Amino acid sequence: GHHHGKHGDHRQHMERMAGHLELSDNQKEQWRAIHETHHPHMREIHSEMREQRHALREASTDGFDEAAAERAAERLGELTAEASLMRARMHAEVRGILTEEQRARFDEHREKRGKQGYGKRHKGESGRQGRRD
């Protein structure tokens, strides 16, 4: 099975991405530093998100505890926003260490990953890919 949110999983994805971008050793150092900076906080956010989801489930198990559910849902919203913000900040920092060419690859990779999440709505898009130079 595939364990999600495991530290090794994240690291693997990073290494793959670093390989894909063909980072120099210096860039790899910076890349790691950026991730080391943000990762502990990211982990905290994710573990609290798990707790809040649990609280939501609890609130709707025996009848419905409106107040508790509302609190958990609100907090989940805040955490989701915080996580998105951190990811955006991290991406900005990563893009800051890349060359133009690497940036194009990085953005393309992010696009692809983003699209995977939403089924295959983009029919006429595939022809345009990679014709940007």
Protein backbone atom coordinates (compact mmCIF):
# COMPACT_ATOMS: atom_id res chain seq x y z
CA GLY A 1 0.00 0.00 0.00
CA HIS A 2 0.97 3.65 -0.32
CA HIS A 3 1.43 5.48 2.96
CA HIS A 4 0.49 9.09 2.56
CA GLY A 5 2.04 11.95 4.47
CA LYS A 6 4.98 9.86 5.60
CA HIS A 7 8.25 11.73 5.88
CA GLY A 8 10.07 9.41 3.49
CA ASP A 9 7.35 9.85 0.93
CA HIS A 10 7.76 13.60 0.96
CA ARG A 11 11.51 13.32 0.77
CA GLN A 12 11.26 10.94 -2.17
CA HIS A 13 9.06 13.36 -4.03
CA MET A 14 11.58 16.12 -3.36
CA GLU A 15 14.50 14.05 -4.60
CA ARG A 16 12.59 13.10 -7.74
CA MET A 17 11.73 16.70 -8.37
CA ALA A 18 15.33 17.77 -7.78
CA GLY A 19 16.44 15.15 -10.28
CA HIS A 20 13.81 16.25 -12.77
CA LEU A 21 15.05 19.84 -12.54
CA GLU A 22 18.71 18.79 -12.74
CA LEU A 23 19.69 21.02 -9.85
CA SER A 24 23.32 21.84 -9.24
CA ASP A 25 24.81 20.76 -5.92
CA ASN A 26 24.56 24.30 -4.65
CA GLN A 27 20.91 24.46 -5.64
CA LYS A 28 20.24 21.13 -3.98
CA GLU A 29 21.61 22.52 -0.73
CA GLN A 30 19.31 25.54 -0.94
CA TRP A 31 16.40 23.35 -1.98
CA ARG A 32 16.88 21.16 1.08
CA ALA A 33 17.28 24.16 3.34
CA ILE A 34 13.96 25.59 2.15
CA HIS A 35 12.20 22.32 2.83
CA GLU A 36 13.86 21.81 6.20
CA THR A 37 12.68 25.28 7.21
CA HIS A 38 9.05 24.72 6.31
CA HIS A 39 8.59 21.04 6.87
CA PRO A 40 8.26 20.92 10.68
CA HIS A 41 5.53 23.56 10.57
CA MET A 42 3.82 21.73 7.71
CA ARG A 43 3.84 18.56 9.79
CA GLU A 44 2.26 20.39 12.73
CA ILE A 45 -0.48 21.76 10.51
CA HIS A 46 -1.21 18.34 9.08
CA SER A 47 -1.36 16.63 12.43
CA GLU A 48 -3.74 19.28 13.76
CA MET A 49 -5.85 18.87 10.63
CA ARG A 50 -6.13 15.18 11.46
CA GLU A 51 -7.23 16.05 14.99
CA GLN A 52 -9.87 18.48 13.75
CA ARG A 53 -11.22 15.95 11.26
CA HIS A 54 -11.44 13.49 14.10
CA ALA A 55 -13.30 16.08 16.19
CA LEU A 56 -15.72 16.60 13.31
CA ARG A 57 -16.41 12.88 13.13
CA GLU A 58 -16.92 12.76 16.88
CA ALA A 59 -19.33 15.68 16.73
CA SER A 60 -21.54 13.84 14.29
CA THR A 61 -21.35 10.35 15.78
CA ASP A 62 -23.85 10.57 18.64
CA GLY A 63 -26.50 12.89 17.33
CA PHE A 64 -24.99 16.16 16.15
CA ASP A 65 -23.01 18.59 18.27
CA GLU A 66 -23.45 21.73 16.21
CA ALA A 67 -21.08 23.91 18.25
CA ALA A 68 -18.26 21.39 18.30
CA ALA A 69 -18.65 20.64 14.60
CA GLU A 70 -18.61 24.34 13.80
CA ARG A 71 -15.46 24.92 15.84
CA ALA A 72 -13.67 22.02 14.18
CA ALA A 73 -14.80 23.03 10.70
CA GLU A 74 -13.70 26.61 11.25
CA ARG A 75 -10.30 25.54 12.51
CA LEU A 76 -9.94 23.16 9.57
CA GLY A 77 -10.60 26.06 7.24
CA GLU A 78 -7.91 28.14 8.92
CA LEU A 79 -5.43 25.27 8.80
CA THR A 80 -6.15 24.59 5.14
CA ALA A 81 -5.55 28.25 4.34
CA GLU A 82 -2.35 28.23 6.36
CA ALA A 83 -1.09 25.12 4.58
CA SER A 84 -1.87 26.62 1.17
CA LEU A 85 -0.07 29.80 2.12
CA MET A 86 2.99 27.87 3.29
CA ARG A 87 3.06 25.84 0.11
CA ALA A 88 2.84 28.99 -1.97
CA ARG A 89 5.64 30.58 0.04
CA MET A 90 7.75 27.48 -0.33
CA HIS A 91 7.17 27.38 -4.08
CA ALA A 92 8.12 31.03 -4.37
CA GLU A 93 11.35 30.40 -2.47
CA VAL A 94 12.14 27.35 -4.57
CA ARG A 95 11.50 29.28 -7.79
CA GLY A 96 13.87 31.91 -6.45
CA ILE A 97 16.84 29.52 -6.62
CA LEU A 98 16.05 28.18 -10.10
CA THR A 99 17.23 29.23 -13.54
CA GLU A 100 14.67 30.30 -16.15
CA GLU A 101 14.67 26.88 -17.77
CA GLN A 102 14.27 25.08 -14.46
CA ARG A 103 11.45 27.42 -13.50
CA ALA A 104 9.56 26.50 -16.65
CA ARG A 105 9.93 22.82 -15.80
CA PHE A 106 8.95 23.38 -12.21
CA ASP A 107 5.78 25.24 -13.21
CA GLU A 108 4.89 22.64 -15.80
CA HIS A 109 5.29 19.90 -13.22
CA ARG A 110 3.04 21.78 -10.80
CA GLU A 111 0.43 22.22 -13.51
CA LYS A 112 0.44 18.52 -14.25
CA ARG A 113 0.11 17.60 -10.61
CA GLY A 114 -2.68 20.10 -10.15
CA LYS A 115 -4.63 18.74 -13.08
CA GLN A 116 -4.35 15.12 -11.99
CA GLY A 117 -6.48 15.98 -9.01
CA TYR A 118 -9.45 17.13 -11.06
CA GLY A 119 -10.15 14.29 -13.46
CA LYS A 120 -9.51 14.77 -17.16
CA ARG A 121 -11.52 17.86 -18.01
CA HIS A 122 -8.80 19.47 -20.11
CA LYS A 123 -9.35 17.89 -23.48
CA GLY A 124 -7.94 20.44 -25.91
CA GLU A 125 -4.98 21.32 -23.72
CA SER A 126 -2.51 18.54 -24.44
CA GLY A 127 -1.49 19.88 -27.86
CA ARG A 128 -0.19 23.12 -26.37
CA GLN A 129 2.23 21.51 -23.95
CA GLY A 130 5.94 21.94 -24.43
CA ARG A 131 5.61 24.39 -27.31
CA ARG A 132 6.64 27.41 -25.30
CA ASP A 133 10.17 28.17 -26.40
